[in-house]
């Protein structure tokens, strides 16, 4: 059996606003429903389930491998919204892209302080 990640919980200050931000920037859609979570389908086998958190939570890191066209779309939406981005996790606002592994990548923060990374060549090598 192949093990696959099915879903992950993403802590947020406002689950619905957070899910909309994430979906809009990555070119995805929020799943309809009024459940405990605001779900965004990332691909056929994975959802990000945004949950309201009353307590403070640490910013987490989420990284996504995208095609060149998808990458260009995300970068355009980040720039259009005036969101700072950068080439490294410790420099997410330097306005530059990285060129690691022969591809392109960048980091930016969502409104909850989570660090999002997009890349055209996967870190995992697959």
N, C-alpha and C. Protein backbone atom coordinates (compact mmCIF):
# COMPACT_ATOMS: atom_id res chain seq x y z
N UNK A 1 0.84 -1.18 0.00
CA UNK A 1 0.00 0.00 0.00
C UNK A 1 0.88 1.24 0.00
N UNK A 2 0.52 2.20 -0.80
CA UNK A 2 1.21 3.48 -0.81
C UNK A 2 0.58 4.38 0.25
N UNK A 3 1.39 4.99 1.07
CA UNK A 3 0.88 5.93 2.07
C UNK A 3 0.80 7.30 1.44
N UNK A 4 -0.36 7.92 1.58
CA UNK A 4 -0.57 9.27 1.05
C UNK A 4 -1.14 10.15 2.16
N UNK A 5 -0.73 11.38 2.17
CA UNK A 5 -1.34 12.35 3.07
C UNK A 5 -2.72 12.68 2.54
N UNK A 6 -3.76 12.55 3.35
CA UNK A 6 -5.14 12.77 2.95
C UNK A 6 -5.59 14.21 3.19
N UNK A 7 -5.28 14.73 4.36
CA UNK A 7 -5.62 16.11 4.68
C UNK A 7 -4.71 16.59 5.82
N UNK A 8 -4.64 17.89 5.97
CA UNK A 8 -3.91 18.45 7.09
C UNK A 8 -4.71 19.63 7.62
N UNK A 9 -4.65 19.83 8.91
CA UNK A 9 -5.35 20.93 9.56
C UNK A 9 -4.44 22.15 9.55
N UNK A 10 -4.98 23.27 9.12
CA UNK A 10 -4.24 24.53 9.08
C UNK A 10 -4.88 25.48 10.09
N UNK A 11 -4.17 25.80 11.17
CA UNK A 11 -4.74 26.73 12.16
C UNK A 11 -4.87 28.13 11.57
N UNK A 12 -5.95 28.81 11.93
CA UNK A 12 -6.19 30.14 11.37
C UNK A 12 -7.00 30.99 12.34
N UNK A 13 -6.90 32.29 12.13
CA UNK A 13 -7.68 33.24 12.93
C UNK A 13 -9.12 33.30 12.44
N UNK A 14 -9.33 33.09 11.14
CA UNK A 14 -10.65 33.09 10.52
C UNK A 14 -10.61 32.05 9.41
N UNK A 15 -11.17 30.88 9.67
CA UNK A 15 -11.04 29.75 8.74
C UNK A 15 -11.56 30.06 7.35
N UNK A 16 -12.67 30.77 7.25
CA UNK A 16 -13.24 31.05 5.93
C UNK A 16 -12.39 32.05 5.15
N UNK A 17 -11.95 33.11 5.80
CA UNK A 17 -11.08 34.09 5.13
C UNK A 17 -9.75 33.45 4.75
N UNK A 18 -9.22 32.62 5.63
CA UNK A 18 -7.94 31.97 5.36
C UNK A 18 -8.05 31.01 4.18
N UNK A 19 -9.11 30.23 4.14
CA UNK A 19 -9.32 29.29 3.03
C UNK A 19 -9.48 30.05 1.72
N UNK A 20 -10.22 31.15 1.74
CA UNK A 20 -10.39 31.97 0.51
C UNK A 20 -9.06 32.53 0.04
N UNK A 21 -8.25 33.08 0.96
CA UNK A 21 -6.93 33.62 0.60
C UNK A 21 -6.08 32.53 -0.04
N UNK A 22 -5.97 31.39 0.61
CA UNK A 22 -5.16 30.28 0.14
C UNK A 22 -5.63 29.84 -1.25
N UNK A 23 -6.93 29.64 -1.40
CA UNK A 23 -7.49 29.18 -2.68
C UNK A 23 -7.26 30.20 -3.78
N UNK A 24 -7.50 31.47 -3.50
CA UNK A 24 -7.32 32.51 -4.52
C UNK A 24 -5.88 32.61 -4.97
N UNK A 25 -4.94 32.63 -4.04
CA UNK A 25 -3.53 32.78 -4.40
C UNK A 25 -3.03 31.57 -5.19
N UNK A 26 -3.43 30.35 -4.78
CA UNK A 26 -2.93 29.16 -5.44
C UNK A 26 -3.79 28.72 -6.63
N UNK A 27 -4.87 29.45 -6.91
CA UNK A 27 -5.71 29.10 -8.05
C UNK A 27 -6.55 27.86 -7.80
N UNK A 28 -7.00 27.68 -6.56
CA UNK A 28 -7.80 26.53 -6.17
C UNK A 28 -9.20 26.99 -5.79
N UNK A 29 -10.02 26.09 -5.28
CA UNK A 29 -11.36 26.46 -4.84
C UNK A 29 -11.61 25.96 -3.43
N UNK A 30 -12.45 26.69 -2.72
CA UNK A 30 -12.89 26.28 -1.40
C UNK A 30 -14.05 25.31 -1.60
N UNK A 31 -14.00 24.18 -0.92
CA UNK A 31 -15.07 23.19 -1.02
C UNK A 31 -16.33 23.78 -0.37
N UNK A 32 -17.48 23.57 -0.97
CA UNK A 32 -18.71 24.09 -0.36
C UNK A 32 -19.01 23.36 0.95
N UNK A 33 -19.68 24.06 1.85
CA UNK A 33 -20.08 23.43 3.10
C UNK A 33 -19.90 24.36 4.28
N UNK A 34 -20.60 24.01 5.35
CA UNK A 34 -20.58 24.79 6.59
C UNK A 34 -20.05 23.98 7.76
N UNK A 35 -19.16 23.08 7.51
CA UNK A 35 -18.67 22.19 8.55
C UNK A 35 -17.69 22.85 9.50
N UNK A 36 -17.09 22.02 10.32
CA UNK A 36 -16.12 22.49 11.30
C UNK A 36 -14.90 23.12 10.63
N UNK A 37 -14.55 22.61 9.44
CA UNK A 37 -13.40 23.10 8.70
C UNK A 37 -13.85 23.82 7.44
N UNK A 38 -13.02 24.74 6.96
CA UNK A 38 -13.16 25.31 5.62
C UNK A 38 -12.11 24.60 4.78
N UNK A 39 -12.56 23.76 3.86
CA UNK A 39 -11.65 22.90 3.11
C UNK A 39 -11.30 23.48 1.75
N UNK A 40 -10.02 23.31 1.40
CA UNK A 40 -9.54 23.64 0.06
C UNK A 40 -8.92 22.37 -0.51
N UNK A 41 -9.41 21.95 -1.66
CA UNK A 41 -8.86 20.77 -2.32
C UNK A 41 -7.59 21.18 -3.04
N UNK A 42 -6.47 20.58 -2.64
CA UNK A 42 -5.16 20.88 -3.23
C UNK A 42 -4.96 20.04 -4.49
N UNK A 43 -5.34 18.76 -4.41
CA UNK A 43 -5.28 17.86 -5.57
C UNK A 43 -6.28 16.73 -5.33
N UNK A 44 -6.24 15.69 -6.14
CA UNK A 44 -7.22 14.61 -6.04
C UNK A 44 -7.21 13.90 -4.70
N UNK A 45 -6.09 13.95 -3.98
CA UNK A 45 -5.98 13.16 -2.75
C UNK A 45 -5.69 13.97 -1.50
N UNK A 46 -5.67 15.30 -1.59
CA UNK A 46 -5.28 16.11 -0.43
C UNK A 46 -6.16 17.34 -0.28
N UNK A 47 -6.63 17.57 0.95
CA UNK A 47 -7.31 18.82 1.28
C UNK A 47 -6.56 19.51 2.41
N UNK A 48 -6.60 20.83 2.38
CA UNK A 48 -6.15 21.64 3.51
C UNK A 48 -7.42 22.05 4.23
N UNK A 49 -7.51 21.69 5.50
CA UNK A 49 -8.71 21.94 6.29
C UNK A 49 -8.41 23.06 7.28
N UNK A 50 -8.90 24.23 6.99
CA UNK A 50 -8.65 25.41 7.83
C UNK A 50 -9.59 25.38 9.03
N UNK A 51 -9.01 25.61 10.21
CA UNK A 51 -9.76 25.57 11.46
C UNK A 51 -9.52 26.85 12.25
N UNK A 52 -10.59 27.37 12.84
CA UNK A 52 -10.46 28.53 13.72
C UNK A 52 -9.73 28.12 14.99
N UNK A 53 -8.76 28.90 15.38
CA UNK A 53 -8.01 28.65 16.61
C UNK A 53 -8.13 29.88 17.50
N UNK A 54 -8.55 29.67 18.71
CA UNK A 54 -8.68 30.79 19.66
C UNK A 54 -7.35 31.13 20.30
N UNK A 55 -6.52 30.14 20.52
CA UNK A 55 -5.21 30.33 21.14
C UNK A 55 -4.19 30.72 20.07
N UNK A 56 -3.11 31.34 20.52
CA UNK A 56 -2.01 31.67 19.60
C UNK A 56 -1.42 30.37 19.06
N UNK A 57 -0.97 30.40 17.84
CA UNK A 57 -0.37 29.22 17.23
C UNK A 57 0.86 29.66 16.45
N UNK A 58 1.82 28.75 16.31
CA UNK A 58 3.04 29.10 15.55
C UNK A 58 2.75 29.11 14.06
N UNK A 59 3.47 29.93 13.34
CA UNK A 59 3.40 29.89 11.89
C UNK A 59 4.05 28.61 11.39
N UNK A 60 3.40 27.95 10.47
CA UNK A 60 3.90 26.70 9.91
C UNK A 60 4.39 26.93 8.49
N UNK A 61 5.07 25.93 7.93
CA UNK A 61 5.62 26.02 6.58
C UNK A 61 4.92 25.01 5.69
N UNK A 62 4.41 25.47 4.55
CA UNK A 62 3.77 24.60 3.58
C UNK A 62 4.42 24.87 2.23
N UNK A 63 4.90 23.82 1.56
CA UNK A 63 5.62 23.96 0.29
C UNK A 63 4.87 23.22 -0.81
N UNK A 64 4.83 23.82 -2.00
CA UNK A 64 4.06 23.28 -3.12
C UNK A 64 4.89 23.24 -4.39
N UNK A 65 4.87 22.09 -5.05
CA UNK A 65 5.52 21.94 -6.35
C UNK A 65 4.47 22.25 -7.41
N UNK A 66 4.79 23.20 -8.30
CA UNK A 66 3.85 23.65 -9.33
C UNK A 66 4.49 23.56 -10.71
N UNK A 67 3.64 23.51 -11.74
CA UNK A 67 4.14 23.62 -13.10
C UNK A 67 4.61 25.06 -13.31
N UNK A 68 5.34 25.30 -14.38
CA UNK A 68 5.79 26.67 -14.68
C UNK A 68 4.61 27.61 -14.85
N UNK A 69 3.56 27.16 -15.54
CA UNK A 69 2.39 28.02 -15.75
C UNK A 69 1.68 28.32 -14.44
N UNK A 70 1.52 27.31 -13.58
CA UNK A 70 0.89 27.53 -12.28
C UNK A 70 1.73 28.48 -11.44
N UNK A 71 3.05 28.30 -11.47
CA UNK A 71 3.97 29.18 -10.74
C UNK A 71 3.79 30.63 -11.18
N UNK A 72 3.76 30.84 -12.50
CA UNK A 72 3.58 32.19 -13.04
C UNK A 72 2.27 32.80 -12.56
N UNK A 73 1.21 31.99 -12.51
CA UNK A 73 -0.08 32.47 -12.02
C UNK A 73 -0.04 32.87 -10.56
N UNK A 74 0.59 32.04 -9.73
CA UNK A 74 0.70 32.36 -8.30
C UNK A 74 1.52 33.63 -8.12
N UNK A 75 2.65 33.73 -8.81
CA UNK A 75 3.49 34.92 -8.69
C UNK A 75 2.72 36.17 -9.11
N UNK A 76 1.96 36.08 -10.19
CA UNK A 76 1.17 37.24 -10.64
C UNK A 76 0.12 37.63 -9.60
N UNK A 77 -0.54 36.66 -8.99
CA UNK A 77 -1.56 36.97 -7.98
C UNK A 77 -0.93 37.55 -6.71
N UNK A 78 0.23 37.04 -6.32
CA UNK A 78 0.94 37.59 -5.16
C UNK A 78 1.31 39.04 -5.43
N UNK A 79 1.88 39.31 -6.59
CA UNK A 79 2.27 40.68 -6.93
C UNK A 79 1.05 41.59 -7.03
N UNK A 80 -0.03 41.11 -7.64
CA UNK A 80 -1.24 41.93 -7.80
C UNK A 80 -1.84 42.33 -6.46
N UNK A 81 -1.69 41.49 -5.45
CA UNK A 81 -2.22 41.80 -4.12
C UNK A 81 -1.23 42.55 -3.26
N UNK A 82 -0.04 42.83 -3.79
CA UNK A 82 0.96 43.57 -3.04
C UNK A 82 1.54 42.78 -1.88
N UNK A 83 1.57 41.47 -1.99
CA UNK A 83 2.10 40.60 -0.94
C UNK A 83 3.62 40.52 -1.11
N UNK A 84 4.34 40.74 -0.04
CA UNK A 84 5.80 40.61 -0.07
C UNK A 84 6.17 39.16 -0.32
N UNK A 85 7.24 38.96 -1.08
CA UNK A 85 7.75 37.62 -1.34
C UNK A 85 9.26 37.67 -1.40
N UNK A 86 9.88 36.50 -1.28
CA UNK A 86 11.33 36.48 -1.30
C UNK A 86 11.90 35.13 -1.65
N UNK A 87 13.20 35.10 -1.78
CA UNK A 87 13.91 33.94 -2.30
C UNK A 87 14.31 32.90 -1.26
N UNK A 88 14.11 33.18 0.02
CA UNK A 88 14.56 32.25 1.05
C UNK A 88 13.62 32.30 2.26
N UNK A 89 13.58 31.22 3.05
CA UNK A 89 12.69 31.22 4.21
C UNK A 89 13.04 32.28 5.23
N UNK A 90 14.30 32.67 5.29
CA UNK A 90 14.69 33.73 6.22
C UNK A 90 14.71 35.10 5.56
N UNK A 91 14.25 35.16 4.30
CA UNK A 91 14.16 36.44 3.57
C UNK A 91 12.91 36.42 2.70
N UNK A 92 11.73 36.24 3.32
CA UNK A 92 10.50 36.11 2.53
C UNK A 92 9.95 37.42 1.99
N UNK A 93 10.73 38.49 2.09
CA UNK A 93 10.26 39.79 1.60
C UNK A 93 11.33 40.53 0.80
N UNK A 94 12.33 39.81 0.26
CA UNK A 94 13.40 40.51 -0.47
C UNK A 94 13.05 40.77 -1.94
N UNK A 95 11.86 40.34 -2.39
CA UNK A 95 11.40 40.62 -3.74
C UNK A 95 12.11 39.84 -4.84
N UNK A 96 12.80 38.76 -4.45
CA UNK A 96 13.56 37.99 -5.44
C UNK A 96 13.05 36.55 -5.49
N UNK A 97 13.31 35.88 -6.61
CA UNK A 97 13.03 34.47 -6.77
C UNK A 97 14.33 33.70 -6.53
N UNK A 98 14.21 32.44 -6.16
CA UNK A 98 15.40 31.60 -6.10
C UNK A 98 15.44 30.72 -7.34
N UNK A 99 16.60 30.15 -7.59
CA UNK A 99 16.81 29.29 -8.78
C UNK A 99 17.39 27.95 -8.36
N UNK A 100 16.94 27.44 -7.23
CA UNK A 100 17.48 26.18 -6.73
C UNK A 100 17.08 25.00 -7.61
N UNK A 101 17.96 24.06 -7.73
CA UNK A 101 17.76 22.81 -8.46
C UNK A 101 17.38 23.06 -9.92
N UNK A 102 17.73 24.23 -10.47
CA UNK A 102 17.45 24.53 -11.86
C UNK A 102 16.04 25.02 -12.13
N UNK A 103 15.28 25.29 -11.10
CA UNK A 103 13.91 25.79 -11.26
C UNK A 103 13.77 27.17 -10.64
N UNK A 104 12.54 27.54 -10.38
CA UNK A 104 12.24 28.82 -9.74
C UNK A 104 11.42 28.57 -8.48
N UNK A 105 11.58 29.45 -7.50
CA UNK A 105 10.81 29.32 -6.28
C UNK A 105 10.77 30.63 -5.51
N UNK A 106 9.79 30.73 -4.61
CA UNK A 106 9.74 31.87 -3.69
C UNK A 106 8.88 31.53 -2.48
N UNK A 107 9.00 32.38 -1.48
CA UNK A 107 8.29 32.25 -0.21
C UNK A 107 7.45 33.50 0.02
N UNK A 108 6.34 33.33 0.73
CA UNK A 108 5.54 34.47 1.17
C UNK A 108 4.71 34.04 2.37
N UNK A 109 4.27 35.01 3.15
CA UNK A 109 3.47 34.69 4.33
C UNK A 109 1.99 34.92 4.06
N UNK A 110 1.17 34.06 4.65
CA UNK A 110 -0.27 34.27 4.58
C UNK A 110 -0.69 35.16 5.75
N UNK A 111 -1.94 35.59 5.82
CA UNK A 111 -2.37 36.49 6.90
C UNK A 111 -2.24 35.90 8.31
N UNK A 112 -2.06 34.58 8.44
CA UNK A 112 -1.91 33.93 9.74
C UNK A 112 -0.46 33.76 10.16
N UNK A 113 0.47 34.17 9.30
CA UNK A 113 1.89 34.01 9.61
C UNK A 113 2.47 32.69 9.16
N UNK A 114 1.70 31.90 8.40
CA UNK A 114 2.24 30.67 7.83
C UNK A 114 3.12 31.04 6.63
N UNK A 115 4.23 30.35 6.50
CA UNK A 115 5.16 30.58 5.39
C UNK A 115 4.82 29.62 4.26
N UNK A 116 4.41 30.16 3.13
CA UNK A 116 4.09 29.35 1.96
C UNK A 116 5.25 29.42 0.99
N UNK A 117 5.56 28.28 0.40
CA UNK A 117 6.65 28.18 -0.58
C UNK A 117 6.09 27.56 -1.84
N UNK A 118 6.44 28.13 -2.98
CA UNK A 118 6.10 27.53 -4.27
C UNK A 118 7.38 27.34 -5.06
N UNK A 119 7.43 26.21 -5.80
CA UNK A 119 8.66 25.88 -6.53
C UNK A 119 8.30 25.10 -7.79
N UNK A 120 9.13 25.24 -8.81
CA UNK A 120 8.88 24.51 -10.05
C UNK A 120 9.65 23.20 -10.13
N UNK A 121 10.64 23.01 -9.28
CA UNK A 121 11.36 21.74 -9.19
C UNK A 121 11.24 21.28 -7.74
N UNK A 122 10.72 20.08 -7.50
CA UNK A 122 10.45 19.67 -6.12
C UNK A 122 11.72 19.44 -5.31
N UNK A 123 11.63 19.79 -4.06
CA UNK A 123 12.71 19.55 -3.10
C UNK A 123 12.96 18.07 -2.93
N UNK A 124 11.89 17.29 -3.03
CA UNK A 124 11.99 15.85 -2.80
C UNK A 124 12.64 15.10 -3.96
N UNK A 125 12.79 15.76 -5.11
CA UNK A 125 13.43 15.12 -6.25
C UNK A 125 12.51 14.23 -7.04
N UNK A 126 11.22 14.22 -6.71
CA UNK A 126 10.29 13.36 -7.48
C UNK A 126 9.23 14.17 -8.17
